[in-house]
PDB file of all heavy atoms in Angstrom:
ATOM      1  N   GLU A   1       0.841  -1.132   0.029  1.00  0.00           N
ATOM      2  CA  GLU A   1      -0.057  -0.008  -0.017  1.00  0.00           C
ATOM      3  C   GLU A   1       0.895   1.314   0.044  1.00  0.00           C
ATOM      4  O   GLU A   1       1.987   1.208   0.695  1.00  0.00           O
ATOM      5  CB  GLU A   1      -0.940   0.014   1.208  1.00  0.00           C
ATOM      6  CG  GLU A   1      -1.869  -1.046   1.156  1.00  0.00           C
ATOM      7  CD  GLU A   1      -3.029  -0.938   2.338  1.00  0.00           C
ATOM      8  OE1 GLU A   1      -3.283   0.202   2.651  1.00  0.00           O
ATOM      9  OE2 GLU A   1      -3.491  -1.983   2.864  1.00  0.00           O
ATOM     10  N   SER A   2       0.495   2.312  -0.773  1.00  0.00           N
ATOM     11  CA  SER A   2       1.284   3.434  -0.857  1.00  0.00           C
ATOM     12  C   SER A   2       0.748   4.603   0.024  1.00  0.00           C
ATOM     13  O   SER A   2      -0.461   4.641   0.241  1.00  0.00           O
ATOM     14  CB  SER A   2       1.250   3.982  -2.364  1.00  0.00           C
ATOM     15  OG  SER A   2       1.840   2.797  -3.210  1.00  0.00           O
ATOM     16  N   PHE A   3       1.721   5.463   0.361  1.00  0.00           N
ATOM     17  CA  PHE A   3       1.312   6.549   1.430  1.00  0.00           C
ATOM     18  C   PHE A   3       1.989   7.765   0.961  1.00  0.00           C
ATOM     19  O   PHE A   3       2.880   7.813  -0.086  1.00  0.00           O
ATOM     20  CB  PHE A   3       1.773   6.244   2.704  1.00  0.00           C
ATOM     21  CG  PHE A   3       1.016   4.942   3.442  1.00  0.00           C
ATOM     22  CD1 PHE A   3       1.539   3.703   3.166  1.00  0.00           C
ATOM     23  CD2 PHE A   3      -0.236   5.104   3.811  1.00  0.00           C
ATOM     24  CE1 PHE A   3       0.906   2.541   3.661  1.00  0.00           C
ATOM     25  CE2 PHE A   3      -0.816   4.010   4.415  1.00  0.00           C
ATOM     26  CZ  PHE A   3      -0.177   2.622   4.234  1.00  0.00           C
ATOM     27  N   GLY A   4       1.701   9.014   1.528  1.00  0.00           N
ATOM     28  CA  GLY A   4       2.252  10.139   1.210  1.00  0.00           C
ATOM     29  C   GLY A   4       1.916  10.639  -0.138  1.00  0.00           C
ATOM     30  O   GLY A   4       0.842  10.643  -0.597  1.00  0.00           O
ATOM     31  N   SER A   5       2.927  11.028  -0.938  1.00  0.00           N
ATOM     32  CA  SER A   5       2.945  11.544  -2.265  1.00  0.00           C
ATOM     33  C   SER A   5       2.383  10.386  -3.239  1.00  0.00           C
ATOM     34  O   SER A   5       2.001  10.724  -4.371  1.00  0.00           O
ATOM     35  CB  SER A   5       4.198  12.166  -2.762  1.00  0.00           C
ATOM     36  OG  SER A   5       5.117  11.157  -2.781  1.00  0.00           O
ATOM     37  N   MET A   6       2.470   9.207  -2.870  1.00  0.00           N
ATOM     38  CA  MET A   6       2.012   8.136  -3.681  1.00  0.00           C
ATOM     39  C   MET A   6       0.747   7.462  -3.110  1.00  0.00           C
ATOM     40  O   MET A   6       0.307   6.382  -3.529  1.00  0.00           O
ATOM     41  CB  MET A   6       3.148   6.985  -3.672  1.00  0.00           C
ATOM     42  CG  MET A   6       4.392   7.430  -4.226  1.00  0.00           C
ATOM     43  SD  MET A   6       5.616   6.089  -4.540  1.00  0.00           S
ATOM     44  CE  MET A   6       5.819   5.477  -2.830  1.00  0.00           C
ATOM     45  N   ALA A   7      -0.071   8.265  -2.420  1.00  0.00           N
ATOM     46  CA  ALA A   7      -1.306   7.557  -1.695  1.00  0.00           C
ATOM     47  C   ALA A   7      -2.307   7.280  -2.775  1.00  0.00           C
ATOM     48  O   ALA A   7      -3.239   6.529  -2.365  1.00  0.00           O
ATOM     49  CB  ALA A   7      -1.669   8.608  -0.648  1.00  0.00           C
ATOM     50  N   ASP A   8      -2.248   7.975  -3.952  1.00  0.00           N
ATOM     51  CA  ASP A   8      -3.277   7.760  -4.915  1.00  0.00           C
ATOM     52  C   ASP A   8      -3.161   6.440  -5.625  1.00  0.00           C
ATOM     53  O   ASP A   8      -4.030   6.042  -6.491  1.00  0.00           O
ATOM     54  CB  ASP A   8      -3.359   8.896  -5.871  1.00  0.00           C
ATOM     55  CG  ASP A   8      -2.032   9.108  -6.530  1.00  0.00           C
ATOM     56  OD1 ASP A   8      -1.038   8.697  -6.084  1.00  0.00           O
ATOM     57  OD2 ASP A   8      -1.935   9.736  -7.628  1.00  0.00           O
ATOM     58  N   ARG A   9      -2.004   5.755  -5.372  1.00  0.00           N
ATOM     59  CA  ARG A   9      -1.851   4.424  -6.142  1.00  0.00           C
ATOM     60  C   ARG A   9      -2.627   3.399  -5.476  1.00  0.00           C
ATOM     61  O   ARG A   9      -2.841   3.317  -4.219  1.00  0.00           O
ATOM     62  CB  ARG A   9      -0.355   4.122  -5.932  1.00  0.00           C
ATOM     63  CG  ARG A   9       0.476   4.978  -6.811  1.00  0.00           C
ATOM     64  CD  ARG A   9       2.037   4.424  -6.928  1.00  0.00           C
ATOM     65  NE  ARG A   9       2.858   5.412  -7.630  1.00  0.00           N
ATOM     66  CZ  ARG A   9       4.200   5.127  -7.859  1.00  0.00           C
ATOM     67  NH1 ARG A   9       4.698   4.034  -7.223  1.00  0.00           N
ATOM     68  NH2 ARG A   9       4.950   6.047  -8.390  1.00  0.00           N
ATOM     69  N   GLU A  10      -3.245   2.475  -6.300  1.00  0.00           N
ATOM     70  CA  GLU A  10      -3.899   1.328  -5.781  1.00  0.00           C
ATOM     71  C   GLU A  10      -3.045   0.389  -5.041  1.00  0.00           C
ATOM     72  O   GLU A  10      -1.969   0.195  -5.476  1.00  0.00           O
ATOM     73  CB  GLU A  10      -4.749   0.804  -6.982  1.00  0.00           C
ATOM     74  CG  GLU A  10      -5.693   1.618  -7.682  1.00  0.00           C
ATOM     75  CD  GLU A  10      -6.956   1.770  -6.844  1.00  0.00           C
ATOM     76  OE1 GLU A  10      -7.285   0.936  -5.904  1.00  0.00           O
ATOM     77  OE2 GLU A  10      -7.561   2.919  -6.923  1.00  0.00           O
ATOM     78  N   PRO A  11      -3.642  -0.361  -4.025  1.00  0.00           N
ATOM     79  CA  PRO A  11      -2.860  -1.408  -3.541  1.00  0.00           C
ATOM     80  C   PRO A  11      -2.558  -2.597  -4.532  1.00  0.00           C
ATOM     81  O   PRO A  11      -3.260  -2.739  -5.504  1.00  0.00           O
ATOM     82  CB  PRO A  11      -3.752  -1.935  -2.388  1.00  0.00           C
ATOM     83  CG  PRO A  11      -4.760  -0.789  -2.146  1.00  0.00           C
ATOM     84  CD  PRO A  11      -4.928  -0.088  -3.472  1.00  0.00           C
ATOM     85  N   THR A  12      -1.333  -3.116  -4.302  1.00  0.00           N
ATOM     86  CA  THR A  12      -0.966  -4.201  -5.177  1.00  0.00           C
ATOM     87  C   THR A  12      -0.773  -5.393  -4.370  1.00  0.00           C
ATOM     88  O   THR A  12      -0.383  -5.502  -3.209  1.00  0.00           O
ATOM     89  CB  THR A  12       0.353  -3.830  -5.967  1.00  0.00           C
ATOM     90  OG1 THR A  12       1.357  -3.565  -5.069  1.00  0.00           O
ATOM     91  CG2 THR A  12       0.039  -2.631  -6.802  1.00  0.00           C
ATOM     92  N   ALA A  13      -0.708  -6.607  -4.964  1.00  0.00           N
ATOM     93  CA  ALA A  13      -0.464  -7.906  -4.408  1.00  0.00           C
ATOM     94  C   ALA A  13       0.243  -8.743  -5.322  1.00  0.00           C
ATOM     95  O   ALA A  13      -0.040  -8.858  -6.525  1.00  0.00           O
ATOM     96  CB  ALA A  13      -1.776  -8.509  -3.876  1.00  0.00           C
ATOM     97  N   ASP A  14       1.102  -9.520  -4.761  1.00  0.00           N
ATOM     98  CA  ASP A  14       1.931 -10.458  -5.675  1.00  0.00           C
ATOM     99  C   ASP A  14       2.003 -11.900  -4.973  1.00  0.00           C
ATOM    100  O   ASP A  14       1.921 -11.858  -3.743  1.00  0.00           O
ATOM    101  CB  ASP A  14       3.384 -10.114  -5.841  1.00  0.00           C
ATOM    102  CG  ASP A  14       3.534  -8.834  -6.730  1.00  0.00           C
ATOM    103  OD1 ASP A  14       3.159  -9.001  -7.926  1.00  0.00           O
ATOM    104  OD2 ASP A  14       3.812  -7.662  -6.141  1.00  0.00           O
ATOM    105  N   LEU A  15       1.965 -12.849  -5.697  1.00  0.00           N
ATOM    106  CA  LEU A  15       2.033 -14.196  -5.163  1.00  0.00           C
ATOM    107  C   LEU A  15       3.497 -14.858  -5.521  1.00  0.00           C
ATOM    108  O   LEU A  15       3.834 -14.666  -6.621  1.00  0.00           O
ATOM    109  CB  LEU A  15       0.971 -15.136  -5.666  1.00  0.00           C
ATOM    110  CG  LEU A  15       1.046 -16.629  -5.140  1.00  0.00           C
ATOM    111  CD1 LEU A  15       0.722 -16.722  -3.781  1.00  0.00           C
ATOM    112  CD2 LEU A  15       0.106 -17.449  -6.108  1.00  0.00           C
ATOM    113  N   GLU A  16       4.206 -15.250  -4.509  1.00  0.00           N
ATOM    114  CA  GLU A  16       5.535 -15.819  -4.777  1.00  0.00           C
ATOM    115  C   GLU A  16       5.472 -17.300  -4.341  1.00  0.00           C
ATOM    116  O   GLU A  16       5.172 -17.574  -3.201  1.00  0.00           O
ATOM    117  CB  GLU A  16       6.525 -15.034  -4.113  1.00  0.00           C
ATOM    118  CG  GLU A  16       6.637 -13.533  -4.526  1.00  0.00           C
ATOM    119  CD  GLU A  16       7.832 -12.904  -3.786  1.00  0.00           C
ATOM    120  OE1 GLU A  16       8.344 -13.396  -2.796  1.00  0.00           O
ATOM    121  OE2 GLU A  16       8.240 -11.802  -4.273  1.00  0.00           O
ATOM    122  N   ILE A  17       5.946 -18.112  -5.075  1.00  0.00           N
ATOM    123  CA  ILE A  17       6.197 -19.569  -4.869  1.00  0.00           C
ATOM    124  C   ILE A  17       7.594 -19.998  -4.914  1.00  0.00           C
ATOM    125  O   ILE A  17       8.146 -19.937  -6.014  1.00  0.00           O
ATOM    126  CB  ILE A  17       5.348 -20.441  -5.762  1.00  0.00           C
ATOM    127  CG1 ILE A  17       3.781 -20.127  -5.602  1.00  0.00           C
ATOM    128  CG2 ILE A  17       5.495 -21.871  -5.271  1.00  0.00           C
ATOM    129  CD1 ILE A  17       3.015 -20.865  -6.577  1.00  0.00           C
ATOM    130  N   ARG A  18       8.283 -20.302  -3.818  1.00  0.00           N
ATOM    131  CA  ARG A  18       9.645 -20.746  -3.831  1.00  0.00           C
ATOM    132  C   ARG A  18       9.490 -22.236  -3.450  1.00  0.00           C
ATOM    133  O   ARG A  18       8.983 -22.718  -2.487  1.00  0.00           O
ATOM    134  CB  ARG A  18      10.536 -20.127  -2.787  1.00  0.00           C
ATOM    135  CG  ARG A  18      10.763 -18.580  -3.141  1.00  0.00           C
ATOM    136  CD  ARG A  18      11.505 -17.842  -2.031  1.00  0.00           C
ATOM    137  NE  ARG A  18      11.906 -16.601  -2.441  1.00  0.00           N
ATOM    138  CZ  ARG A  18      11.176 -15.423  -2.353  1.00  0.00           C
ATOM    139  NH1 ARG A  18       9.984 -15.529  -2.012  1.00  0.00           N
ATOM    140  NH2 ARG A  18      11.703 -14.164  -2.761  1.00  0.00           N
ATOM    141  N   ALA A  19      10.203 -23.134  -4.219  1.00  0.00           N
ATOM    142  CA  ALA A  19      10.142 -24.565  -4.082  1.00  0.00           C
ATOM    143  C   ALA A  19      11.451 -25.179  -4.667  1.00  0.00           C
ATOM    144  O   ALA A  19      11.992 -24.829  -5.510  1.00  0.00           O
ATOM    145  CB  ALA A  19       8.845 -25.056  -4.801  1.00  0.00           C
ATOM    146  N   SER A  20      11.795 -26.282  -3.830  1.00  0.00           N
ATOM    147  CA  SER A  20      12.996 -27.174  -4.454  1.00  0.00           C
ATOM    148  C   SER A  20      12.524 -28.603  -4.107  1.00  0.00           C
ATOM    149  O   SER A  20      11.736 -28.830  -3.138  1.00  0.00           O
ATOM    150  CB  SER A  20      14.208 -26.714  -3.604  1.00  0.00           C
ATOM    151  OG  SER A  20      14.003 -27.009  -2.232  1.00  0.00           O
ATOM    152  N   TRP A  21      13.102 -29.392  -4.888  1.00  0.00           N
ATOM    153  CA  TRP A  21      12.949 -30.960  -4.664  1.00  0.00           C
ATOM    154  C   TRP A  21      14.090 -31.591  -5.318  1.00  0.00           C
ATOM    155  O   TRP A  21      14.772 -31.106  -6.115  1.00  0.00           O
ATOM    156  CB  TRP A  21      11.609 -31.383  -5.246  1.00  0.00           C
ATOM    157  CG  TRP A  21      11.418 -31.047  -6.802  1.00  0.00           C
ATOM    158  CD1 TRP A  21      11.818 -32.031  -7.811  1.00  0.00           C
ATOM    159  CD2 TRP A  21      10.945 -29.971  -7.484  1.00  0.00           C
ATOM    160  NE1 TRP A  21      11.329 -31.390  -9.019  1.00  0.00           N
ATOM    161  CE2 TRP A  21      10.938 -30.165  -8.828  1.00  0.00           C
ATOM    162  CE3 TRP A  21      10.456 -28.740  -6.889  1.00  0.00           C
ATOM    163  CZ2 TRP A  21      10.514 -29.190  -9.713  1.00  0.00           C
ATOM    164  CZ3 TRP A  21       9.978 -27.802  -7.892  1.00  0.00           C
ATOM    165  CH2 TRP A  21      10.125 -28.000  -9.271  1.00  0.00           C
ATOM    166  N   THR A  22      14.158 -32.917  -5.044  1.00  0.00           N
ATOM    167  CA  THR A  22      15.298 -33.693  -5.549  1.00  0.00           C
ATOM    168  C   THR A  22      14.801 -34.662  -6.626  1.00  0.00           C
ATOM    169  O   THR A  22      13.783 -35.347  -6.363  1.00  0.00           O
ATOM    170  CB  THR A  22      15.919 -34.520  -4.344  1.00  0.00           C
ATOM    171  OG1 THR A  22      16.614 -33.559  -3.395  1.00  0.00           O
ATOM    172  CG2 THR A  22      16.961 -35.410  -4.910  1.00  0.00           C
ATOM    173  N   ALA A  23      15.362 -34.618  -7.781  1.00  0.00           N
ATOM    174  CA  ALA A  23      15.101 -35.502  -8.899  1.00  0.00           C
ATOM    175  C   ALA A  23      15.840 -36.816  -8.520  1.00  0.00           C
ATOM    176  O   ALA A  23      17.001 -36.885  -8.332  1.00  0.00           O
ATOM    177  CB  ALA A  23      15.496 -34.901 -10.228  1.00  0.00           C
ATOM    178  N   VAL A  24      15.081 -37.848  -8.771  1.00  0.00           N
ATOM    179  CA  VAL A  24      15.697 -39.211  -8.637  1.00  0.00           C
ATOM    180  C   VAL A  24      16.577 -39.720  -9.683  1.00  0.00           C
ATOM    181  O   VAL A  24      17.232 -40.719  -9.686  1.00  0.00           O
ATOM    182  CB  VAL A  24      14.551 -40.150  -8.155  1.00  0.00           C
ATOM    183  CG1 VAL A  24      13.928 -39.885  -7.006  1.00  0.00           C
ATOM    184  CG2 VAL A  24      13.760 -40.494  -9.385  1.00  0.00           C
ATOM    185  N   ASP A  25      16.472 -38.948 -10.880  1.00  0.00           N
ATOM    186  CA  ASP A  25      17.229 -39.408 -12.162  1.00  0.00           C
ATOM    187  C   ASP A  25      17.563 -38.215 -12.892  1.00  0.00           C
ATOM    188  O   ASP A  25      17.266 -37.036 -12.459  1.00  0.00           O
ATOM    189  CB  ASP A  25      16.643 -40.498 -12.852  1.00  0.00           C
ATOM    190  CG  ASP A  25      15.217 -40.059 -13.380  1.00  0.00           C
ATOM    191  OD1 ASP A  25      15.145 -38.902 -13.812  1.00  0.00           O
ATOM    192  OD2 ASP A  25      14.364 -40.976 -13.268  1.00  0.00           O
ATOM    193  N   SER A  26      18.246 -38.302 -14.064  1.00  0.00           N
ATOM    194  CA  SER A  26      18.668 -37.138 -14.764  1.00  0.00           C
ATOM    195  C   SER A  26      17.689 -36.765 -15.928  1.00  0.00           C
ATOM    196  O   SER A  26      18.031 -35.919 -16.659  1.00  0.00           O
ATOM    197  CB  SER A  26      19.928 -37.565 -15.518  1.00  0.00           C
ATOM    198  OG  SER A  26      19.957 -38.601 -16.399  1.00  0.00           O
ATOM    199  N   ARG A  27      16.502 -37.389 -15.865  1.00  0.00           N
ATOM    200  CA  ARG A  27      15.406 -36.763 -16.749  1.00  0.00           C
ATOM    201  C   ARG A  27      14.662 -35.694 -16.272  1.00  0.00           C
ATOM    202  O   ARG A  27      13.640 -35.795 -15.614  1.00  0.00           O
ATOM    203  CB  ARG A  27      14.367 -38.010 -17.128  1.00  0.00           C
ATOM    204  CG  ARG A  27      14.895 -39.213 -17.716  1.00  0.00           C
ATOM    205  CD  ARG A  27      13.900 -40.251 -17.960  1.00  0.00           C
ATOM    206  NE  ARG A  27      12.855 -39.789 -18.713  1.00  0.00           N
ATOM    207  CZ  ARG A  27      11.565 -39.522 -18.206  1.00  0.00           C
ATOM    208  NH1 ARG A  27      11.379 -39.625 -16.917  1.00  0.00           N
ATOM    209  NH2 ARG A  27      10.541 -39.054 -19.095  1.00  0.00           N
ATOM    210  N   LEU A  28      15.355 -34.434 -16.557  1.00  0.00           N
ATOM    211  CA  LEU A  28      14.826 -33.193 -16.025  1.00  0.00           C
ATOM    212  C   LEU A  28      13.898 -32.522 -16.842  1.00  0.00           C
ATOM    213  O   LEU A  28      13.198 -31.599 -16.414  1.00  0.00           O
ATOM    214  CB  LEU A  28      16.080 -32.341 -15.656  1.00  0.00           C
ATOM    215  CG  LEU A  28      16.600 -32.505 -14.313  1.00  0.00           C
ATOM    216  CD1 LEU A  28      15.600 -32.087 -13.344  1.00  0.00           C
ATOM    217  CD2 LEU A  28      17.182 -33.835 -14.065  1.00  0.00           C
ATOM    218  N   GLY A  29      13.704 -32.835 -18.231  1.00  0.00           N
ATOM    219  CA  GLY A  29      12.709 -32.163 -19.092  1.00  0.00           C
ATOM    220  C   GLY A  29      11.338 -32.186 -18.443  1.00  0.00           C
ATOM    221  O   GLY A  29      10.741 -31.229 -18.428  1.00  0.00           O
ATOM    222  N   PRO A  30      10.778 -33.331 -18.036  1.00  0.00           N
ATOM    223  CA  PRO A  30       9.422 -33.378 -17.428  1.00  0.00           C
ATOM    224  C   PRO A  30       9.405 -32.444 -16.117  1.00  0.00           C
ATOM    225  O   PRO A  30       8.190 -31.830 -16.008  1.00  0.00           O
ATOM    226  CB  PRO A  30       9.207 -34.803 -17.102  1.00  0.00           C
ATOM    227  CG  PRO A  30       9.966 -35.523 -18.099  1.00  0.00           C
ATOM    228  CD  PRO A  30      11.377 -34.673 -18.264  1.00  0.00           C
ATOM    229  N   HIS A  31      10.356 -32.251 -15.429  1.00  0.00           N
ATOM    230  CA  HIS A  31      10.260 -31.463 -14.342  1.00  0.00           C
ATOM    231  C   HIS A  31      10.063 -29.956 -14.783  1.00  0.00           C
ATOM    232  O   HIS A  31       9.337 -29.234 -14.231  1.00  0.00           O
ATOM    233  CB  HIS A  31      11.641 -31.549 -13.462  1.00  0.00           C
ATOM    234  CG  HIS A  31      11.823 -32.745 -12.830  1.00  0.00           C
ATOM    235  ND1 HIS A  31      11.803 -32.904 -11.460  1.00  0.00           N
ATOM    236  CD2 HIS A  31      12.223 -34.032 -13.231  1.00  0.00           C
ATOM    237  CE1 HIS A  31      11.979 -34.278 -11.114  1.00  0.00           C
ATOM    238  NE2 HIS A  31      12.287 -34.801 -12.273  1.00  0.00           N
ATOM    239  N   LEU A  32      10.737 -29.492 -15.808  1.00  0.00           N
ATOM    240  CA  LEU A  32      10.676 -28.114 -16.370  1.00  0.00           C
ATOM    241  C   LEU A  32       9.186 -27.918 -16.925  1.00  0.00           C
ATOM    242  O   LEU A  32       8.600 -26.851 -16.675  1.00  0.00           O
ATOM    243  CB  LEU A  32      11.751 -28.004 -17.317  1.00  0.00           C
ATOM    244  CG  LEU A  32      11.606 -26.538 -18.062  1.00  0.00           C
ATOM    245  CD1 LEU A  32      11.715 -25.375 -17.088  1.00  0.00           C
ATOM    246  CD2 LEU A  32      12.805 -26.362 -19.116  1.00  0.00           C
ATOM    247  N   GLU A  33       8.753 -28.993 -17.592  1.00  0.00           N
ATOM    248  CA  GLU A  33       7.485 -28.881 -18.213  1.00  0.00           C
ATOM    249  C   GLU A  33       6.376 -28.702 -17.240  1.00  0.00           C
ATOM    250  O   GLU A  33       5.628 -27.877 -17.282  1.00  0.00           O
ATOM    251  CB  GLU A  33       7.238 -30.056 -19.175  1.00  0.00           C
ATOM    252  CG  GLU A  33       8.152 -30.124 -20.372  1.00  0.00           C
ATOM    253  CD  GLU A  33       8.085 -31.420 -21.128  1.00  0.00           C
ATOM    254  OE1 GLU A  33       7.417 -32.323 -20.685  1.00  0.00           O
ATOM    255  OE2 GLU A  33       8.751 -31.473 -22.153  1.00  0.00           O
ATOM    256  N   ALA A  34       6.389 -29.516 -16.200  1.00  0.00           N
ATOM    257  CA  ALA A  34       5.494 -29.510 -15.052  1.00  0.00           C
ATOM    258  C   ALA A  34       5.596 -28.046 -14.331  1.00  0.00           C
ATOM    259  O   ALA A  34       4.489 -27.477 -14.106  1.00  0.00           O
ATOM    260  CB  ALA A  34       5.728 -30.644 -13.963  1.00  0.00           C
ATOM    261  N   TRP A  35       6.828 -27.615 -14.043  1.00  0.00           N
ATOM    262  CA  TRP A  35       6.898 -26.339 -13.282  1.00  0.00           C
ATOM    263  C   TRP A  35       6.442 -25.266 -14.202  1.00  0.00           C
ATOM    264  O   TRP A  35       5.705 -24.296 -13.768  1.00  0.00           O
ATOM    265  CB  TRP A  35       8.368 -26.157 -12.996  1.00  0.00           C
ATOM    266  CG  TRP A  35       8.708 -24.747 -12.428  1.00  0.00           C
ATOM    267  CD1 TRP A  35       8.522 -24.306 -11.178  1.00  0.00           C
ATOM    268  CD2 TRP A  35       9.105 -23.655 -13.165  1.00  0.00           C
ATOM    269  NE1 TRP A  35       8.801 -23.087 -11.101  1.00  0.00           N
ATOM    270  CE2 TRP A  35       9.321 -22.617 -12.330  1.00  0.00           C
ATOM    271  CE3 TRP A  35       9.613 -23.467 -14.474  1.00  0.00           C
ATOM    272  CZ2 TRP A  35       9.906 -21.269 -12.671  1.00  0.00           C
ATOM    273  CZ3 TRP A  35      10.029 -22.185 -14.947  1.00  0.00           C
ATOM    274  CH2 TRP A  35      10.071 -21.194 -13.883  1.00  0.00           C
ATOM    275  N   SER A  36       6.661 -25.310 -15.503  1.00  0.00           N
ATOM    276  CA  SER A  36       6.094 -24.282 -16.439  1.00  0.00           C
ATOM    277  C   SER A  36       4.656 -24.177 -16.475  1.00  0.00           C
ATOM    278  O   SER A  36       3.986 -23.168 -16.588  1.00  0.00           O
ATOM    279  CB  SER A  36       6.702 -24.522 -17.808  1.00  0.00           C
ATOM    280  OG  SER A  36       6.034 -25.496 -18.564  1.00  0.00           O
TER     281      SER A  36
END
């Protein structure tokens, strides 16, 4: 939320997802496809 000289700006919101996991083999293409 903005205040002072920027008080006329609308509130904003962002969603952040941080995630990690261990792949059991070297086939990483499907991991990227699922994450995308």
